[in-house]
Amino acid sequence: MPEQRQKANYSLSDLLKASWMRSSIKLALIAIVGGVIIIWLLKLFNVAETPMLSDVGGFFATYGLAGIFLVTIIAGTIVPLGSPALVVAASPFVNPVLLILVATAGFTIGMSINYGLAYKLGRPYLQKRVSAEHLEEITFVWNKWGWLLYTIFGLIPVFPVELLAFVCGFLKTSITVFLALSFIPRFITFALLVYLGQYMGAWLGVA
C-alpha cells in the first residue's frame, strides 16, 4: 500500500530525478556545450574559406542522405550516435525536405526495431538492456502519461525516447499509435534542427 500511494503521487519532476533520465540529460548537455564550442571555433578560424569544408560539403552532397538514413536507423535503437547533430551538420549541403523525411523515416524504423524486439521477446529481452527497477518505473510512467509523455520525449532529442519504444512493444501498444507517436514528433524535431543547421551554415558562411 505505501508503495502504491508513492506511485500514485509520482510526478514528472520525479521522472526527471530518475538516474537514467539524469544520465541522459547530463550527456545531452555535454554534447550541446561541445557543439557550441565547435561551432564557435569554426567561426573563429573562418573554416568556411578552407578546402576542408568544401570536401565536407561534397561528401554530404554525395553520401549525406544514405549515411543519415543508416545512422538514424541505428540511433532509433538503443545506440546513441548523435543523429540530431549529424542532421544539423548536413542541412547546409543537402535538400532540406529530403533530409527531414529521410532522417525521420530512419529514426522511426530504428524505433520500430525496438518495438518489434520487445513485442516478440518480452521481459527477458528487455531486462538484458534495462534494469528491472528502471523497466518497472518506465512502464508505470507509460501507463500514467502514455502518448503525452511519448510525444514530449519524441520532441526533445535529449530524452531517451528509445526506451519508451521498448515499453510500447512490451505492452503491445497498437502499432498504428506507436508509428504515429514515433514519426510525427521526430518529424517536427528534425524540421527544426534542419532550420537551425541552415541558419548556422549561413552564419558560418557555408550556405
Protein backbone atom coordinates (compact mmCIF):
# COMPACT_ATOMS: atom_id res chain seq x y z
CA MET A 1 0.00 0.00 0.00
CA PRO A 2 2.68 2.60 0.83
CA GLU A 3 4.39 1.79 -2.47
CA GLN A 4 1.10 2.19 -4.36
CA ARG A 5 0.47 5.57 -2.73
CA GLN A 6 4.00 6.63 -3.59
CA LYS A 7 3.45 5.67 -7.23
CA ALA A 8 0.12 7.49 -7.30
CA ASN A 9 1.93 10.67 -6.30
CA TYR A 10 4.69 10.13 -8.87
CA SER A 11 5.08 13.31 -10.95
CA LEU A 12 7.04 14.46 -13.98
CA SER A 13 9.53 16.14 -11.65
CA ASP A 14 10.13 12.74 -10.05
CA LEU A 15 10.75 11.32 -13.52
CA LEU A 16 13.41 13.94 -14.19
CA LYS A 17 15.15 12.87 -10.98
CA ALA A 18 15.41 9.24 -12.11
CA SER A 19 19.01 8.11 -12.60
CA TRP A 20 18.55 7.07 -16.23
CA MET A 21 16.94 10.41 -17.04
CA ARG A 22 19.64 12.40 -15.24
CA SER A 23 22.35 10.49 -17.09
CA SER A 24 20.68 11.17 -20.44
CA ILE A 25 20.26 14.86 -19.70
CA LYS A 26 23.88 15.22 -18.50
CA LEU A 27 25.20 13.58 -21.67
CA ALA A 28 22.96 15.80 -23.78
CA LEU A 29 24.16 18.95 -22.01
CA ILE A 30 27.77 17.91 -22.54
CA ALA A 31 27.03 17.33 -26.23
CA ILE A 32 25.32 20.73 -26.55
CA VAL A 33 28.22 22.56 -24.88
CA GLY A 34 30.70 20.66 -27.06
CA GLY A 35 28.70 21.54 -30.17
CA VAL A 36 28.59 25.23 -29.28
CA ILE A 37 32.37 25.25 -28.74
CA ILE A 38 32.97 23.53 -32.08
CA ILE A 39 30.71 25.99 -33.91
CA TRP A 40 32.48 28.94 -32.25
CA LEU A 41 35.88 27.53 -33.25
CA LEU A 42 34.70 27.04 -36.83
CA LYS A 43 33.65 30.67 -36.94
CA LEU A 44 36.79 31.88 -35.18
CA PHE A 45 39.10 30.17 -37.66
CA ASN A 46 36.89 31.01 -40.66
CA VAL A 47 36.67 27.38 -41.72
CA ALA A 48 34.19 28.30 -44.46
CA GLU A 49 37.11 29.59 -46.54
CA THR A 50 39.14 26.39 -46.27
CA PRO A 51 39.21 23.48 -48.77
CA MET A 52 38.35 21.12 -45.91
CA LEU A 53 34.80 22.43 -45.68
CA SER A 54 34.38 22.11 -49.43
CA ASP A 55 35.35 18.46 -49.09
CA VAL A 56 32.86 18.00 -46.25
CA GLY A 57 30.15 19.67 -48.31
CA GLY A 58 30.91 17.42 -51.26
CA PHE A 59 30.79 14.35 -49.04
CA PHE A 60 27.39 15.31 -47.63
CA ALA A 61 26.06 16.17 -51.09
CA THR A 62 27.12 12.75 -52.40
CA TYR A 63 26.57 10.41 -49.47
CA GLY A 64 24.68 12.51 -46.94
CA LEU A 65 21.16 11.16 -47.27
CA ALA A 66 22.20 7.50 -47.37
CA GLY A 67 24.54 7.94 -44.41
CA ILE A 68 21.98 9.84 -42.35
CA PHE A 69 19.36 7.19 -43.12
CA LEU A 70 21.63 4.44 -41.76
CA VAL A 71 22.74 6.48 -38.75
CA THR A 72 19.20 7.43 -37.76
CA ILE A 73 18.05 3.81 -38.00
CA ILE A 74 20.78 2.82 -35.56
CA ALA A 75 20.15 5.90 -33.41
CA GLY A 76 16.48 4.94 -33.21
CA THR A 77 17.55 1.83 -31.35
CA ILE A 78 19.44 1.99 -28.06
CA VAL A 79 22.72 3.11 -29.71
CA PRO A 80 23.25 6.88 -29.29
CA LEU A 81 25.02 8.12 -32.42
CA GLY A 82 24.20 11.81 -32.22
CA SER A 83 21.80 11.84 -35.17
CA PRO A 84 20.46 15.35 -34.29
CA ALA A 85 23.99 16.79 -34.56
CA LEU A 86 24.53 14.99 -37.87
CA VAL A 87 21.28 16.38 -39.26
CA VAL A 88 22.30 19.90 -38.24
CA ALA A 89 25.73 19.45 -39.86
CA ALA A 90 24.28 18.10 -43.11
CA SER A 91 21.48 20.65 -43.51
CA PRO A 92 23.51 23.35 -45.35
CA PHE A 93 24.56 20.82 -48.01
CA VAL A 94 21.50 18.59 -48.54
CA ASN A 95 17.97 19.22 -49.80
CA PRO A 96 16.15 20.17 -46.57
CA VAL A 97 12.85 18.43 -47.36
CA LEU A 98 14.56 15.16 -48.28
CA LEU A 99 16.81 15.43 -45.24
CA ILE A 100 13.85 15.81 -42.86
CA LEU A 101 11.96 12.91 -44.45
CA VAL A 102 14.96 10.58 -44.60
CA ALA A 103 16.06 11.30 -41.02
CA THR A 104 12.53 10.88 -39.67
CA ALA A 105 11.94 7.67 -41.61
CA GLY A 106 15.27 6.23 -40.45
CA PHE A 107 14.64 7.06 -36.82
CA THR A 108 11.12 5.62 -36.99
CA ILE A 109 12.46 2.38 -38.46
CA GLY A 110 15.00 2.17 -35.64
CA MET A 111 12.26 2.74 -33.07
CA SER A 112 10.16 0.07 -34.77
CA ILE A 113 13.02 -2.40 -34.38
CA ASN A 114 12.96 -1.76 -30.62
CA TYR A 115 9.19 -2.14 -30.62
CA GLY A 116 9.29 -5.41 -32.59
CA LEU A 117 12.01 -7.00 -30.47
CA ALA A 118 10.23 -6.14 -27.22
CA TYR A 119 6.89 -7.27 -28.66
CA LYS A 120 8.25 -10.67 -29.68
CA LEU A 121 10.80 -11.40 -26.94
CA GLY A 122 9.12 -9.76 -23.93
CA ARG A 123 10.53 -9.10 -20.46
CA PRO A 124 13.64 -11.36 -20.65
CA TYR A 125 14.91 -9.38 -23.63
CA LEU A 126 14.20 -6.02 -22.03
CA GLN A 127 15.86 -6.90 -18.76
CA LYS A 128 19.12 -7.56 -20.60
CA ARG A 129 19.11 -3.89 -21.63
CA VAL A 130 17.13 -2.14 -18.92
CA SER A 131 17.32 -2.95 -15.22
CA ALA A 132 14.19 -4.39 -13.60
CA GLU A 133 13.84 -1.25 -11.48
CA HIS A 134 14.08 1.09 -14.46
CA LEU A 135 11.74 -1.10 -16.52
CA GLU A 136 9.12 -1.02 -13.79
CA GLU A 137 9.47 2.74 -13.45
CA ILE A 138 9.27 3.37 -17.20
CA THR A 139 6.27 1.05 -17.53
CA PHE A 140 4.49 2.86 -14.72
CA VAL A 141 5.27 6.21 -16.32
CA TRP A 142 3.87 4.98 -19.65
CA ASN A 143 0.68 3.69 -18.04
CA LYS A 144 0.20 7.03 -16.27
CA TRP A 145 1.01 9.53 -19.04
CA GLY A 146 1.14 7.36 -22.18
CA TRP A 147 1.09 9.12 -25.53
CA LEU A 148 1.60 12.58 -23.99
CA LEU A 149 4.91 11.52 -22.46
CA TYR A 150 5.99 9.76 -25.64
CA THR A 151 5.25 12.92 -27.64
CA ILE A 152 7.30 15.07 -25.26
CA PHE A 153 10.19 12.61 -25.37
CA GLY A 154 10.00 12.48 -29.16
CA LEU A 155 10.14 16.26 -29.47
CA ILE A 156 13.17 16.68 -27.21
CA PRO A 157 16.29 14.89 -28.54
CA VAL A 158 17.95 14.75 -25.09
CA PHE A 159 15.25 12.44 -23.70
CA PRO A 160 15.65 8.64 -24.19
CA VAL A 161 12.52 8.05 -26.26
CA GLU A 162 14.12 4.78 -27.45
CA LEU A 163 13.36 3.25 -24.05
CA LEU A 164 9.69 4.06 -24.45
CA ALA A 165 9.70 2.21 -27.77
CA PHE A 166 10.73 -0.91 -25.86
CA VAL A 167 7.89 -0.35 -23.39
CA CYS A 168 5.37 0.12 -26.21
CA GLY A 169 6.39 -3.22 -27.69
CA PHE A 170 6.44 -4.92 -24.30
CA LEU A 171 2.91 -3.64 -23.53
CA LYS A 172 1.79 -4.42 -27.10
CA THR A 173 0.67 -0.89 -27.85
CA SER A 174 -1.22 -0.52 -31.14
CA ILE A 175 1.30 -0.39 -33.98
CA THR A 176 -0.62 2.45 -35.64
CA VAL A 177 -0.47 4.57 -32.49
CA PHE A 178 3.18 3.70 -32.00
CA LEU A 179 4.18 4.68 -35.54
CA ALA A 180 2.28 7.97 -35.32
CA LEU A 181 3.88 8.81 -31.97
CA SER A 182 7.32 7.93 -33.35
CA PHE A 183 7.09 9.70 -36.70
CA ILE A 184 5.22 12.96 -36.05
CA PRO A 185 7.19 14.37 -33.06
CA ARG A 186 10.52 13.41 -34.60
CA PHE A 187 9.47 14.95 -37.93
CA ILE A 188 8.87 18.24 -36.11
CA THR A 189 12.19 17.93 -34.26
CA PHE A 190 14.22 17.22 -37.38
CA ALA A 191 12.49 20.07 -39.25
CA LEU A 192 13.56 22.48 -36.50
CA LEU A 193 17.09 21.04 -36.50
CA VAL A 194 17.38 21.44 -40.26
CA TYR A 195 16.26 25.07 -39.94
CA LEU A 196 18.84 25.57 -37.19
CA GLY A 197 21.53 23.94 -39.34
CA GLN A 198 20.76 26.16 -42.29
CA TYR A 199 20.87 29.23 -40.06
CA MET A 200 24.22 28.12 -38.63
CA GLY A 201 25.51 27.42 -42.12
CA ALA A 202 24.60 30.92 -43.24
CA TRP A 203 26.24 32.38 -40.12
CA LEU A 204 29.43 30.44 -40.79
CA GLY A 205 29.34 31.40 -44.47
CA VAL A 206 28.89 27.89 -45.87
CA ALA A 207 25.32 28.30 -47.10
